[in-house]
Every structure is written in C-alpha cells, then in structure tokens.
Amino acid sequence: MPNSELMPIGVFARRSGLTSSALRFYADSGLLTPAEVDPVTGYRYYRADQVARAAGLRRLREIGMSLAAAEAVLDAGPGDAARLIDAHVAKALADAEAVRREAAVIKSSLTGAPGLPLAALKGPVPAGAIEQVLTATAHDPGMPVLGGLRVETTPEAVTLTATDRYRLSTRTLVPAEAATAHWAGTVDGDDLRTALTHIRRSPLLRVEATPHTIRLRGADRHCRLLEAEFPDHRLTLASLPAAGTRVTVAKDPLPRALEDQPGERSTLRATRRGLHVRAAGDPGPGVPLPAVVTGPELCVSFELTTLYPAVGTAVGPDVLLDLRGPGRPVTIRSADRGDLTTLAMPVRHDHCA
C-alpha cells in the first residue's frame, strides 16, 4: 500500500505539466524515477518535492534540450546550470543561423538564373572596409535593416554604408575591374562578419547579385539580402551644414584618452591650444592632446560607444574632426584618406568651462 503522502502518476502529471506517458518515459530513462512503484499493479507514485524537478525537465525539453543535457542541468548547481543553458541557447542560435543562410542559398538557386556581376575587388581591401563600416550597425529587432550593410555599385565605384541612427559610416572602393551594372542592396551584416576571413584570403573577390543573396566568388560564400528599406543616408549627408570648427589630431592618443575617462560619456573641448578630452560634466581641464584647431572654440559630448568606434576605425596617423556645434553631427575622417567617413551624433550639450 503506497504512502498516503505520495501522489499517483495522474495527479503528479497535472501538477508538473507533464503527461503520464512522458513521466513513464522519463522514469525509464532514469531522469525522474518514481518514489514508489506498486509491485502488484505497477502503479507509480511520486513525492511532492519531485514536482520542481519534473517542471524543470519539462521546460528544458521545451527549449529543445537533449535528455543528457537536461539531466546535466538538473543535477548541476545554479552557476553551472546557467552556463549549460547559455551554451545550449548559443548552439541553437548558431544552428538556426546556419539554416537561414542555407535557405537563402537554396532560394537563390530556384530560379536557375546566373548571378548579376557587380564588381571585382582585391579581397583584403573589401575585408578591411567591411570591418570599418560595420561598426556603425546595430542589432535592433524592430529594424533589422540597421544591422545591414548598404552596398551600391557603379562602373566606377563600390560604396559601403551602415547606420545605427546615431552613427553613419561610409566608404568608397575602386573596383579592380570596372563594374557592369548599377545596383544597390542591403546585405546582412552578420553574414558578412562570418565571411570576413574567407574574403580577406581571396586574391580577387567577384561579387554577384542573386534575387535573395549576394554571391562572393573567390570566398565561396553567400550573404543574405535584407528586404526592408534602408534609411535615406544620402539625404542625411546632403543636408549637413558646413563645419564651423575643424580639428586635426593624432589618431592613436585620442582613443586612449577616451578609454581613460570614467563614465559613459566624454566631452571634446576644442580650443586654440589644442583638444582636451574629459568626462562629461567634469569641470576639470581633462587630458590635453596636441591638435590643429581652426574656427571657434567648442565643446561637444558623446556616448563612448558612439565616438570610440568611429575614431578607432579611422585610417592613417591623423584624424580630422569637423564640428558643427552642439546637437549637430560630427564628421570623422582620416586626414590623409578621405574614402572612409563617419558621422557621429553628440549627446546633450556640455558647456565649456
């Protein structure tokens, strides 16, 4: 006769959210053994303190975890269990991403039509440019296009553009061979990041467009095209007012000075004596950097996550900053290489002391 404190399998099933058949399966698998089995009838009985394990097992199976992995989580301490769950989620996301990429390739092959040739580029050049411009992307579930790279081709040039609404980065490349078509599309940024190593190793990268992907011949990769409309970056660039203050400063000391500032915001103070970098709201003089400054003295504050990548990806030994005043976009360019241009939006104005 079973202990009166035990519950039969039907009651336990309702309390745990598992079916009786699932409970029998988990018992046979050794994951959830009944507290008692009637030797005559074979009826299974469970204790109340087994409900939590049963409910946890149900949730782990609902996120696709294998029996072995679920058992490891249930038997681990909280810290190890969390790490095992994170590892499972990461693998599931990677598998889903691989399926998405392969599906795009399959969809592109359905028409049987050859890809439209767009451009031929020397692999290390586009690899570096893609890395630079992709720093201006963002993962926004509401606007996936902000995670993409806008690619525009003409017979003379290939232009790469990205924006997260706080930064806008663009770079123009000269193709190794004249392109044959005018084309524009937005390429999935994560696909490009995954392909970067293969792109960099390609002596000559031939880019072709298909209905759903761009094909990177030489790197043996497909990258998905995003269907949403890309923000009107041309209008943004065309409507910029003239810069009132220009600063030319050595590239390497500037990101180091930004790193050394406490807090999430930094202020650039341009004076006739050079450029000073300080924490936003700090009345002190900040870190002085030698710089050539033309135009009025000005203070502009930025989120570190906005300004730092824009400065860090500049090409060459010097950075040129075009300041337009509080609340206006700042243009960041390489002083000796103008093909990479980044706009960075400042935050609330920090008055100069």
Protein backbone atom coordinates (compact mmCIF):
# COMPACT_ATOMS: atom_id res chain seq x y z
CA MET A 1 0.00 0.00 0.00
CA PRO A 2 1.56 3.32 -1.03
CA ASN A 3 2.45 6.04 1.46
CA SER A 4 -0.52 8.39 1.87
CA GLU A 5 1.80 11.37 1.29
CA LEU A 6 2.62 10.12 -2.20
CA MET A 7 0.57 11.15 -5.22
CA PRO A 8 -0.41 8.84 -8.08
CA ILE A 9 1.03 9.48 -11.51
CA GLY A 10 -2.14 11.19 -12.81
CA VAL A 11 -2.12 13.81 -10.05
CA PHE A 12 1.64 14.30 -10.40
CA ALA A 13 1.23 14.76 -14.16
CA ARG A 14 -1.28 17.57 -13.65
CA ARG A 15 0.91 19.33 -11.10
CA SER A 16 4.09 19.07 -13.16
CA GLY A 17 2.59 19.81 -16.57
CA LEU A 18 3.81 16.51 -18.00
CA THR A 19 1.68 13.73 -19.42
CA SER A 20 1.57 10.33 -17.78
CA SER A 21 3.22 8.79 -20.83
CA ALA A 22 6.05 11.36 -20.65
CA LEU A 23 6.54 10.54 -16.97
CA ARG A 24 6.80 6.84 -17.77
CA PHE A 25 9.37 7.65 -20.49
CA TYR A 26 11.46 9.80 -18.13
CA ALA A 27 11.26 7.11 -15.45
CA ASP A 28 12.53 4.50 -17.90
CA SER A 29 15.29 6.93 -18.95
CA GLY A 30 16.37 7.40 -15.36
CA LEU A 31 15.72 11.17 -15.31
CA LEU A 32 12.70 11.10 -13.00
CA THR A 33 12.31 7.90 -11.04
CA PRO A 34 9.02 7.39 -9.13
CA ALA A 35 9.26 7.43 -5.35
CA GLU A 36 7.41 4.13 -5.24
CA VAL A 37 6.03 1.55 -7.68
CA ASP A 38 3.26 -0.82 -6.54
CA PRO A 39 4.73 -4.33 -7.05
CA VAL A 40 1.32 -5.80 -7.83
CA THR A 41 -0.37 -3.21 -10.02
CA GLY A 42 2.71 -1.41 -11.36
CA TYR A 43 1.15 1.96 -10.43
CA ARG A 44 3.72 4.74 -9.99
CA TYR A 45 3.69 7.26 -7.15
CA TYR A 46 5.67 10.49 -6.68
CA ARG A 47 6.60 12.80 -3.83
CA ALA A 48 5.61 16.47 -3.75
CA ASP A 49 9.28 17.54 -3.73
CA GLN A 50 9.71 15.91 -7.16
CA VAL A 51 7.37 18.43 -8.82
CA ALA A 52 10.10 21.08 -9.20
CA ARG A 53 12.45 18.65 -10.97
CA ALA A 54 9.65 17.46 -13.24
CA ALA A 55 8.62 21.03 -14.14
CA GLY A 56 12.26 21.96 -14.78
CA LEU A 57 12.67 18.93 -17.02
CA ARG A 58 9.56 19.95 -18.96
CA ARG A 59 10.88 23.48 -19.53
CA LEU A 60 14.29 22.26 -20.63
CA ARG A 61 12.73 19.87 -23.13
CA GLU A 62 10.52 22.68 -24.43
CA ILE A 63 13.63 24.62 -25.48
CA GLY A 64 14.92 21.60 -27.36
CA MET A 65 17.47 20.30 -24.87
CA SER A 66 18.53 16.67 -25.19
CA LEU A 67 17.91 14.19 -22.38
CA ALA A 68 21.60 14.06 -21.49
CA ALA A 69 21.93 17.86 -21.45
CA ALA A 70 18.73 18.26 -19.42
CA GLU A 71 19.96 15.76 -16.85
CA ALA A 72 23.26 17.64 -16.57
CA VAL A 73 21.42 20.91 -15.94
CA LEU A 74 19.07 19.40 -13.36
CA ASP A 75 21.95 17.81 -11.44
CA ALA A 76 24.23 20.90 -11.56
CA GLY A 77 24.47 23.82 -9.19
CA PRO A 78 22.89 27.15 -10.20
CA GLY A 79 26.05 28.61 -11.75
CA ASP A 80 26.94 25.54 -13.82
CA ALA A 81 23.29 25.06 -14.80
CA ALA A 82 23.11 28.63 -16.14
CA ARG A 83 26.30 28.11 -18.17
CA LEU A 84 24.95 24.87 -19.66
CA ILE A 85 21.71 26.62 -20.64
CA ASP A 86 23.63 29.51 -22.21
CA ALA A 87 25.74 27.05 -24.21
CA HIS A 88 22.60 25.30 -25.43
CA VAL A 89 20.99 28.58 -26.49
CA ALA A 90 24.16 29.69 -28.30
CA LYS A 91 24.30 26.43 -30.26
CA ALA A 92 20.60 26.64 -31.10
CA LEU A 93 21.01 30.19 -32.41
CA ALA A 94 24.08 29.19 -34.44
CA ASP A 95 22.21 26.24 -35.92
CA ALA A 96 19.24 28.46 -36.78
CA GLU A 97 21.54 31.00 -38.42
CA ALA A 98 23.18 28.26 -40.49
CA VAL A 99 19.73 27.08 -41.61
CA ARG A 100 18.77 30.64 -42.57
CA ARG A 101 21.92 31.07 -44.66
CA GLU A 102 21.47 27.76 -46.41
CA ALA A 103 17.80 28.53 -47.06
CA ALA A 104 18.82 31.79 -48.74
CA VAL A 105 21.24 29.89 -50.98
CA ILE A 106 18.54 27.36 -51.88
CA LYS A 107 16.02 30.12 -52.67
CA SER A 108 18.55 31.87 -54.89
CA SER A 109 19.16 28.65 -56.82
CA LEU A 110 15.46 28.03 -57.51
CA THR A 111 15.31 30.42 -60.45
CA GLY A 112 18.30 28.84 -62.13
CA ALA A 113 19.34 32.27 -63.36
CA PRO A 114 23.02 33.24 -63.17
CA GLY A 115 24.06 35.94 -60.72
CA LEU A 116 24.34 39.54 -61.89
CA PRO A 117 28.05 40.53 -61.89
CA LEU A 118 28.54 43.63 -59.75
CA ALA A 119 32.24 44.18 -59.11
CA ALA A 120 35.65 42.59 -58.73
CA LEU A 121 37.72 43.62 -55.69
CA LYS A 122 41.02 42.53 -54.17
CA GLY A 123 39.96 40.55 -51.10
CA PRO A 124 41.96 42.32 -48.34
CA VAL A 125 40.57 45.71 -49.41
CA PRO A 126 36.82 44.95 -49.03
CA ALA A 127 37.51 42.91 -45.89
CA GLY A 128 39.05 45.92 -44.16
CA ALA A 129 36.35 48.26 -45.45
CA ILE A 130 33.54 45.96 -44.31
CA GLU A 131 35.04 45.73 -40.81
CA GLN A 132 35.30 49.51 -40.59
CA VAL A 133 31.81 50.32 -41.81
CA LEU A 134 30.07 47.55 -39.86
CA THR A 135 31.00 49.30 -36.61
CA ALA A 136 28.07 51.65 -37.34
CA THR A 137 25.46 48.84 -37.34
CA ALA A 138 23.07 47.91 -34.55
CA HIS A 139 21.05 44.83 -33.61
CA ASP A 140 17.51 46.21 -33.41
CA PRO A 141 14.71 43.60 -33.62
CA GLY A 142 12.31 46.36 -34.63
CA MET A 143 14.54 47.49 -37.53
CA PRO A 144 16.72 44.58 -38.75
CA VAL A 145 17.95 46.75 -41.62
CA LEU A 146 20.10 48.70 -39.12
CA GLY A 147 22.22 45.56 -38.83
CA GLY A 148 22.89 45.53 -42.56
CA LEU A 149 25.48 46.99 -44.91
CA ARG A 150 24.20 49.02 -47.83
CA VAL A 151 26.15 48.17 -50.98
CA GLU A 152 25.91 50.38 -54.05
CA THR A 153 27.82 49.71 -57.25
CA THR A 154 28.51 51.79 -60.33
CA PRO A 155 31.07 51.14 -63.07
CA GLU A 156 33.47 53.44 -61.20
CA ALA A 157 32.98 52.61 -57.52
CA VAL A 158 31.59 50.36 -54.81
CA THR A 159 30.16 52.27 -51.84
CA LEU A 160 29.54 50.65 -48.44
CA THR A 161 27.29 52.38 -45.89
CA ALA A 162 25.90 51.49 -42.46
CA THR A 163 23.97 53.41 -39.82
CA ASP A 164 22.51 52.78 -36.39
CA ARG A 165 20.77 56.22 -36.33
CA TYR A 166 23.49 57.61 -34.03
CA ARG A 167 26.37 56.92 -36.38
CA LEU A 168 26.63 56.76 -40.14
CA SER A 169 29.76 55.30 -41.72
CA THR A 170 30.51 55.12 -45.43
CA ARG A 171 33.49 54.12 -47.53
CA THR A 172 34.02 54.08 -51.29
CA LEU A 173 36.19 51.47 -53.01
CA VAL A 174 37.60 51.49 -56.53
CA PRO A 175 36.96 48.08 -58.16
CA ALA A 176 39.84 46.08 -59.61
CA GLU A 177 37.76 45.76 -62.77
CA ALA A 178 35.05 48.12 -63.97
CA ALA A 179 31.61 47.03 -62.78
CA THR A 180 28.99 46.19 -65.37
CA ALA A 181 25.84 47.37 -63.60
CA HIS A 182 24.33 49.98 -61.33
CA TRP A 183 22.97 48.09 -58.33
CA ALA A 184 22.03 48.70 -54.70
CA GLY A 185 21.03 46.34 -51.91
CA THR A 186 21.36 45.85 -48.15
CA VAL A 187 23.41 42.84 -47.09
CA ASP A 188 23.02 41.05 -43.76
CA GLY A 189 25.83 42.29 -41.51
CA ASP A 190 26.20 39.05 -39.54
CA ASP A 191 26.61 37.07 -42.75
CA LEU A 192 29.38 39.44 -43.82
CA ARG A 193 31.14 39.13 -40.46
CA THR A 194 31.08 35.35 -40.80
CA ALA A 195 32.53 35.60 -44.31
CA LEU A 196 35.30 38.09 -43.47
CA THR A 197 38.10 35.55 -43.03
CA HIS A 198 37.30 34.00 -46.41
CA ILE A 199 37.01 37.41 -48.07
CA ARG A 200 40.39 38.50 -46.71
CA ARG A 201 42.08 35.40 -48.11
CA SER A 202 40.63 35.88 -51.58
CA PRO A 203 43.12 37.36 -54.09
CA LEU A 204 40.22 38.54 -56.24
CA LEU A 205 36.66 38.73 -54.95
CA ARG A 206 33.93 38.73 -57.59
CA VAL A 207 30.60 39.95 -56.26
CA GLU A 208 27.37 38.83 -57.91
CA ALA A 209 23.74 39.57 -57.04
CA THR A 210 21.00 36.95 -56.99
CA PRO A 211 17.34 37.53 -56.05
CA HIS A 212 17.95 36.79 -52.34
CA THR A 213 21.71 36.94 -51.76
CA ILE A 214 24.97 38.33 -52.94
CA ARG A 215 27.40 35.66 -54.03
CA LEU A 216 31.07 36.17 -53.17
CA ARG A 217 33.03 34.19 -55.70
CA GLY A 218 36.56 33.59 -54.53
CA ALA A 219 35.37 33.41 -50.92
CA ASP A 220 32.76 30.73 -51.68
CA ARG A 221 30.13 32.49 -49.59
CA HIS A 222 26.54 33.71 -49.93
CA CYS A 223 25.23 36.61 -47.83
CA ARG A 224 21.53 37.30 -47.48
CA LEU A 225 19.88 40.45 -48.74
CA LEU A 226 17.55 42.32 -46.39
CA GLU A 227 14.25 43.42 -47.87
CA ALA A 228 13.45 46.41 -45.65
CA GLU A 229 14.14 49.91 -46.93
CA PHE A 230 17.49 51.34 -45.86
CA PRO A 231 17.46 54.80 -44.19
CA ASP A 232 17.96 57.71 -46.58
CA HIS A 233 21.63 58.27 -45.86
CA ARG A 234 22.15 60.38 -48.96
CA LEU A 235 19.68 62.96 -47.68
CA THR A 236 21.46 62.98 -44.33
CA LEU A 237 24.82 63.65 -45.98
CA ALA A 238 23.44 66.24 -48.39
CA SER A 239 21.68 68.23 -45.66
CA LEU A 240 24.71 68.62 -43.38
CA PRO A 241 25.54 72.25 -42.61
CA ALA A 242 29.11 73.46 -43.07
CA ALA A 243 31.51 72.69 -40.25
CA GLY A 244 32.45 75.67 -38.09
CA THR A 245 35.37 74.11 -36.21
CA ARG A 246 37.92 71.70 -37.62
CA VAL A 247 40.30 69.64 -35.51
CA THR A 248 43.23 67.58 -36.78
CA VAL A 249 44.63 65.30 -34.09
CA ALA A 250 46.90 62.24 -33.99
CA LYS A 251 44.77 59.12 -34.17
CA ASP A 252 46.34 56.89 -31.51
CA PRO A 253 46.26 59.22 -28.46
CA LEU A 254 42.58 60.11 -28.95
CA PRO A 255 41.05 56.64 -28.34
CA ARG A 256 43.46 56.12 -25.43
CA ALA A 257 42.25 59.37 -23.86
CA LEU A 258 38.64 58.27 -24.36
CA GLU A 259 39.36 54.92 -22.68
CA ASP A 260 40.82 56.66 -19.63
CA GLN A 261 37.71 58.75 -18.93
CA PRO A 262 35.32 57.48 -16.24
CA GLY A 263 31.65 57.16 -17.05
CA GLU A 264 29.81 56.50 -20.29
CA ARG A 265 30.13 59.97 -21.83
CA SER A 266 33.11 62.06 -22.84
CA THR A 267 33.46 65.69 -23.87
CA LEU A 268 35.78 67.05 -26.55
CA ARG A 269 36.82 70.64 -25.95
CA ALA A 270 38.48 72.27 -28.95
CA THR A 271 40.50 75.42 -28.24
CA ARG A 272 43.29 77.35 -29.88
CA ARG A 273 45.69 75.43 -27.62
CA GLY A 274 44.56 72.02 -28.83
CA LEU A 275 41.99 69.36 -27.96
CA HIS A 276 41.02 68.42 -24.39
CA VAL A 277 39.23 65.15 -23.57
CA ARG A 278 37.36 64.91 -20.27
CA ALA A 279 34.50 63.04 -18.67
CA ALA A 280 31.17 64.70 -19.45
CA GLY A 281 30.20 67.04 -16.62
CA ASP A 282 33.73 67.19 -15.23
CA PRO A 283 34.74 70.84 -14.73
CA GLY A 284 38.45 69.95 -14.87
CA PRO A 285 40.71 70.59 -17.85
CA GLY A 286 40.76 66.96 -18.97
CA VAL A 287 43.51 65.27 -20.99
CA PRO A 288 45.26 67.71 -23.34
CA LEU A 289 46.09 66.44 -26.84
CA PRO A 290 48.17 68.39 -29.37
CA ALA A 291 45.90 69.33 -32.27
CA VAL A 292 45.46 71.89 -35.01
CA VAL A 293 42.16 73.70 -34.42
CA THR A 294 40.56 76.20 -36.77
CA GLY A 295 37.32 78.02 -36.09
CA PRO A 296 35.53 78.91 -32.84
CA GLU A 297 36.21 77.12 -29.55
CA LEU A 298 33.63 74.40 -28.98
CA CYS A 299 32.60 71.63 -26.59
CA VAL A 300 30.74 68.54 -27.80
CA SER A 301 29.81 65.47 -25.71
CA PHE A 302 29.37 61.90 -26.92
CA GLU A 303 28.40 58.49 -25.70
CA LEU A 304 31.62 56.48 -25.59
CA THR A 305 30.01 53.70 -27.63
CA THR A 306 29.24 56.21 -30.38
CA LEU A 307 32.53 58.08 -30.65
CA TYR A 308 35.11 55.42 -29.82
CA PRO A 309 34.42 53.02 -32.74
CA ALA A 310 34.27 55.94 -35.17
CA VAL A 311 37.71 57.14 -34.10
CA GLY A 312 39.18 53.66 -33.79
CA THR A 313 38.39 52.67 -37.38
CA ALA A 314 39.92 55.78 -38.96
CA VAL A 315 42.74 55.13 -41.44
CA GLY A 316 46.18 56.68 -41.17
CA PRO A 317 48.08 58.54 -38.43
CA ASP A 318 45.74 61.53 -38.09
CA VAL A 319 42.01 62.06 -37.60
CA LEU A 320 40.09 65.06 -38.88
CA LEU A 321 37.01 66.13 -36.92
CA ASP A 322 34.51 68.57 -38.43
CA LEU A 323 32.42 70.04 -35.57
CA ARG A 324 29.16 71.82 -36.36
CA GLY A 325 28.09 72.81 -32.88
CA PRO A 326 26.02 71.31 -30.06
CA GLY A 327 23.45 68.77 -31.23
CA ARG A 328 24.86 68.65 -34.77
CA PRO A 329 26.55 65.60 -36.34
CA VAL A 330 30.33 65.50 -36.22
CA THR A 331 32.17 64.20 -39.27
CA ILE A 332 35.17 61.97 -38.56
CA ARG A 333 37.59 61.33 -41.39
CA SER A 334 41.15 60.25 -41.96
CA ALA A 335 43.27 63.30 -42.64
CA ASP A 336 45.12 61.55 -45.48
CA ARG A 337 42.44 59.07 -46.63
CA GLY A 338 39.03 60.56 -47.25
CA ASP A 339 37.28 57.43 -48.53
CA LEU A 340 36.15 56.45 -45.02
CA THR A 341 33.74 58.96 -43.49
CA THR A 342 31.77 58.56 -40.26
CA LEU A 343 29.09 60.80 -38.78
CA ALA A 344 28.60 60.65 -35.02
CA MET A 345 25.70 62.24 -33.15
CA PRO A 346 26.58 64.07 -29.93
CA VAL A 347 24.51 64.00 -26.77
CA ARG A 348 23.23 66.88 -24.62
CA HIS A 349 25.46 69.93 -24.90
CA ASP A 350 28.20 70.25 -22.30
CA HIS A 351 29.07 73.92 -21.87
CA CYS A 352 32.74 74.85 -21.99
CA ALA A 353 34.20 75.93 -18.69
